[in-house]
Amino acid sequence: MPVAKASVRGATLRLRPVLMTATTTAPGLFPLLFSSGTGSEVQRPLATVVVGGLVTSTVLTLLVIPALYPWFSGGAADEGGVRG
Protein backbone atom coordinates (compact mmCIF):
# COMPACT_ATOMS: atom_id res chain seq x y z
CA MET A 1 0.00 0.00 0.00
CA PRO A 2 1.40 3.48 -0.80
CA VAL A 3 2.57 5.48 2.18
CA ALA A 4 0.23 8.40 1.46
CA LYS A 5 -2.78 6.10 1.26
CA ALA A 6 -1.75 4.25 4.42
CA SER A 7 -1.37 7.49 6.39
CA VAL A 8 -4.83 8.68 5.32
CA ARG A 9 -6.34 5.30 6.18
CA GLY A 10 -4.64 5.29 9.57
CA ALA A 11 -5.93 8.77 10.33
CA THR A 12 -9.49 7.80 9.40
CA LEU A 13 -9.31 4.69 11.58
CA ARG A 14 -8.18 6.78 14.56
CA LEU A 15 -10.69 9.60 13.99
CA ARG A 16 -13.53 8.26 16.13
CA PRO A 17 -11.49 7.15 19.19
CA VAL A 18 -9.48 10.38 19.30
CA LEU A 19 -12.53 12.61 18.91
CA MET A 20 -14.53 10.63 21.48
CA THR A 21 -11.74 10.93 24.03
CA ALA A 22 -11.32 14.67 23.48
CA THR A 23 -15.05 15.42 23.47
CA THR A 24 -15.66 13.56 26.73
CA THR A 25 -12.65 14.92 28.58
CA ALA A 26 -12.99 18.60 27.64
CA PRO A 27 -16.58 19.02 28.92
CA GLY A 28 -15.54 17.28 32.12
CA LEU A 29 -13.06 20.09 32.71
CA PHE A 30 -15.56 22.91 32.07
CA PRO A 31 -16.51 23.20 35.76
CA LEU A 32 -12.85 23.82 36.57
CA LEU A 33 -12.57 26.40 33.78
CA PHE A 34 -15.53 28.43 35.03
CA SER A 35 -15.10 27.98 38.78
CA SER A 36 -14.82 30.97 41.07
CA GLY A 37 -14.60 29.42 44.52
CA THR A 38 -11.73 28.76 46.86
CA GLY A 39 -8.74 27.29 45.03
CA SER A 40 -10.00 28.28 41.60
CA GLU A 41 -6.92 30.42 40.99
CA VAL A 42 -4.93 27.16 40.90
CA GLN A 43 -7.46 24.93 39.14
CA ARG A 44 -8.44 27.30 36.31
CA PRO A 45 -4.95 27.55 34.71
CA LEU A 46 -4.51 23.79 35.02
CA ALA A 47 -7.82 23.11 33.26
CA THR A 48 -6.97 25.66 30.57
CA VAL A 49 -3.69 23.93 29.81
CA VAL A 50 -5.28 20.49 29.70
CA VAL A 51 -8.10 21.58 27.36
CA GLY A 52 -5.60 23.40 25.14
CA GLY A 53 -3.44 20.29 25.05
CA LEU A 54 -6.42 18.15 24.09
CA VAL A 55 -7.28 20.43 21.19
CA THR A 56 -3.68 20.66 20.04
CA SER A 57 -3.00 16.94 20.27
CA THR A 58 -6.24 16.13 18.45
CA VAL A 59 -5.31 18.41 15.55
CA LEU A 60 -1.76 17.07 15.47
CA THR A 61 -2.84 13.44 15.63
CA LEU A 62 -5.56 13.63 12.99
CA LEU A 63 -4.27 16.23 10.54
CA VAL A 64 -0.64 17.28 10.84
CA ILE A 65 1.16 13.99 11.49
CA PRO A 66 -0.65 12.01 8.74
CA ALA A 67 0.06 14.87 6.32
CA LEU A 68 3.77 14.97 7.20
CA TYR A 69 4.35 11.22 7.38
CA PRO A 70 4.69 10.63 3.61
CA TRP A 71 7.12 13.54 3.41
CA PHE A 72 9.43 12.04 6.05
CA SER A 73 9.18 8.43 4.90
CA GLY A 74 11.74 7.28 2.41
CA GLY A 75 10.55 6.66 -1.14
CA ALA A 76 7.15 8.30 -0.76
CA ALA A 77 7.34 9.69 -4.31
CA ASP A 78 7.98 6.20 -5.71
CA GLU A 79 4.95 4.77 -3.93
CA GLY A 80 2.39 7.29 -5.14
CA GLY A 81 2.89 9.83 -2.36
CA VAL A 82 3.06 13.56 -2.92
CA ARG A 83 6.38 15.19 -2.29
CA GLY A 84 6.91 18.92 -1.93
C-alpha atoms as a PDB file:
ATOM      1  CA  MET A   1       0.000   0.000   0.000  1.00  0.00           C
ATOM      2  CA  PRO A   2       1.397   3.476  -0.801  1.00  0.00           C
ATOM      3  CA  VAL A   3       2.570   5.483   2.184  1.00  0.00           C
ATOM      4  CA  ALA A   4       0.232   8.400   1.456  1.00  0.00           C
ATOM      5  CA  LYS A   5      -2.785   6.104   1.261  1.00  0.00           C
ATOM      6  CA  ALA A   6      -1.748   4.251   4.423  1.00  0.00           C
ATOM      7  CA  SER A   7      -1.369   7.490   6.394  1.00  0.00           C
ATOM      8  CA  VAL A   8      -4.831   8.677   5.321  1.00  0.00           C
ATOM      9  CA  ARG A   9      -6.344   5.304   6.177  1.00  0.00           C
ATOM     10  CA  GLY A  10      -4.637   5.290   9.573  1.00  0.00           C
ATOM     11  CA  ALA A  11      -5.931   8.774  10.329  1.00  0.00           C
ATOM     12  CA  THR A  12      -9.487   7.804   9.397  1.00  0.00           C
ATOM     13  CA  LEU A  13      -9.306   4.694  11.584  1.00  0.00           C
ATOM     14  CA  ARG A  14      -8.178   6.781  14.565  1.00  0.00           C
ATOM     15  CA  LEU A  15     -10.693   9.596  13.991  1.00  0.00           C
ATOM     16  CA  ARG A  16     -13.532   8.263  16.129  1.00  0.00           C
ATOM     17  CA  PRO A  17     -11.489   7.147  19.186  1.00  0.00           C
ATOM     18  CA  VAL A  18      -9.480  10.377  19.303  1.00  0.00           C
ATOM     19  CA  LEU A  19     -12.533  12.612  18.910  1.00  0.00           C
ATOM     20  CA  MET A  20     -14.527  10.632  21.483  1.00  0.00           C
ATOM     21  CA  THR A  21     -11.736  10.932  24.026  1.00  0.00           C
ATOM     22  CA  ALA A  22     -11.319  14.666  23.480  1.00  0.00           C
ATOM     23  CA  THR A  23     -15.052  15.417  23.472  1.00  0.00           C
ATOM     24  CA  THR A  24     -15.662  13.557  26.726  1.00  0.00           C
ATOM     25  CA  THR A  25     -12.647  14.921  28.582  1.00  0.00           C
ATOM     26  CA  ALA A  26     -12.990  18.604  27.645  1.00  0.00           C
ATOM     27  CA  PRO A  27     -16.580  19.022  28.918  1.00  0.00           C
ATOM     28  CA  GLY A  28     -15.537  17.278  32.118  1.00  0.00           C
ATOM     29  CA  LEU A  29     -13.059  20.095  32.707  1.00  0.00           C
ATOM     30  CA  PHE A  30     -15.558  22.910  32.072  1.00  0.00           C
ATOM     31  CA  PRO A  31     -16.514  23.197  35.765  1.00  0.00           C
ATOM     32  CA  LEU A  32     -12.854  23.823  36.567  1.00  0.00           C
ATOM     33  CA  LEU A  33     -12.570  26.401  33.781  1.00  0.00           C
ATOM     34  CA  PHE A  34     -15.533  28.426  35.027  1.00  0.00           C
ATOM     35  CA  SER A  35     -15.097  27.975  38.781  1.00  0.00           C
ATOM     36  CA  SER A  36     -14.820  30.973  41.073  1.00  0.00           C
ATOM     37  CA  GLY A  37     -14.601  29.418  44.523  1.00  0.00           C
ATOM     38  CA  THR A  38     -11.726  28.757  46.856  1.00  0.00           C
ATOM     39  CA  GLY A  39      -8.741  27.294  45.028  1.00  0.00           C
ATOM     40  CA  SER A  40     -10.004  28.278  41.604  1.00  0.00           C
ATOM     41  CA  GLU A  41      -6.917  30.415  40.992  1.00  0.00           C
ATOM     42  CA  VAL A  42      -4.934  27.161  40.902  1.00  0.00           C
ATOM     43  CA  GLN A  43      -7.463  24.929  39.144  1.00  0.00           C
ATOM     44  CA  ARG A  44      -8.441  27.296  36.305  1.00  0.00           C
ATOM     45  CA  PRO A  45      -4.952  27.551  34.714  1.00  0.00           C
ATOM     46  CA  LEU A  46      -4.509  23.793  35.018  1.00  0.00           C
ATOM     47  CA  ALA A  47      -7.819  23.106  33.257  1.00  0.00           C
ATOM     48  CA  THR A  48      -6.965  25.661  30.568  1.00  0.00           C
ATOM     49  CA  VAL A  49      -3.688  23.932  29.810  1.00  0.00           C
ATOM     50  CA  VAL A  50      -5.282  20.485  29.704  1.00  0.00           C
ATOM     51  CA  VAL A  51      -8.102  21.584  27.363  1.00  0.00           C
ATOM     52  CA  GLY A  52      -5.600  23.401  25.137  1.00  0.00           C
ATOM     53  CA  GLY A  53      -3.437  20.289  25.052  1.00  0.00           C
ATOM     54  CA  LEU A  54      -6.418  18.151  24.089  1.00  0.00           C
ATOM     55  CA  VAL A  55      -7.284  20.428  21.188  1.00  0.00           C
ATOM     56  CA  THR A  56      -3.675  20.661  20.044  1.00  0.00           C
ATOM     57  CA  SER A  57      -3.004  16.943  20.275  1.00  0.00           C
ATOM     58  CA  THR A  58      -6.242  16.135  18.448  1.00  0.00           C
ATOM     59  CA  VAL A  59      -5.307  18.407  15.547  1.00  0.00           C
ATOM     60  CA  LEU A  60      -1.757  17.066  15.468  1.00  0.00           C
ATOM     61  CA  THR A  61      -2.841  13.439  15.634  1.00  0.00           C
ATOM     62  CA  LEU A  62      -5.559  13.627  12.993  1.00  0.00           C
ATOM     63  CA  LEU A  63      -4.267  16.232  10.538  1.00  0.00           C
ATOM     64  CA  VAL A  64      -0.639  17.278  10.845  1.00  0.00           C
ATOM     65  CA  ILE A  65       1.162  13.987  11.490  1.00  0.00           C
ATOM     66  CA  PRO A  66      -0.651  12.011   8.738  1.00  0.00           C
ATOM     67  CA  ALA A  67       0.063  14.869   6.316  1.00  0.00           C
ATOM     68  CA  LEU A  68       3.767  14.967   7.204  1.00  0.00           C
ATOM     69  CA  TYR A  69       4.346  11.216   7.376  1.00  0.00           C
ATOM     70  CA  PRO A  70       4.691  10.629   3.608  1.00  0.00           C
ATOM     71  CA  TRP A  71       7.123  13.540   3.413  1.00  0.00           C
ATOM     72  CA  PHE A  72       9.432  12.039   6.048  1.00  0.00           C
ATOM     73  CA  SER A  73       9.178   8.430   4.899  1.00  0.00           C
ATOM     74  CA  GLY A  74      11.741   7.278   2.408  1.00  0.00           C
ATOM     75  CA  GLY A  75      10.553   6.661  -1.136  1.00  0.00           C
ATOM     76  CA  ALA A  76       7.152   8.302  -0.762  1.00  0.00           C
ATOM     77  CA  ALA A  77       7.335   9.686  -4.311  1.00  0.00           C
ATOM     78  CA  ASP A  78       7.980   6.199  -5.707  1.00  0.00           C
ATOM     79  CA  GLU A  79       4.947   4.767  -3.933  1.00  0.00           C
ATOM     80  CA  GLY A  80       2.389   7.286  -5.136  1.00  0.00           C
ATOM     81  CA  GLY A  81       2.890   9.835  -2.360  1.00  0.00           C
ATOM     82  CA  VAL A  82       3.062  13.557  -2.917  1.00  0.00           C
ATOM     83  CA  ARG A  83       6.375  15.195  -2.288  1.00  0.00           C
ATOM     84  CA  GLY A  84       6.907  18.918  -1.928  1.00  0.00           C
END
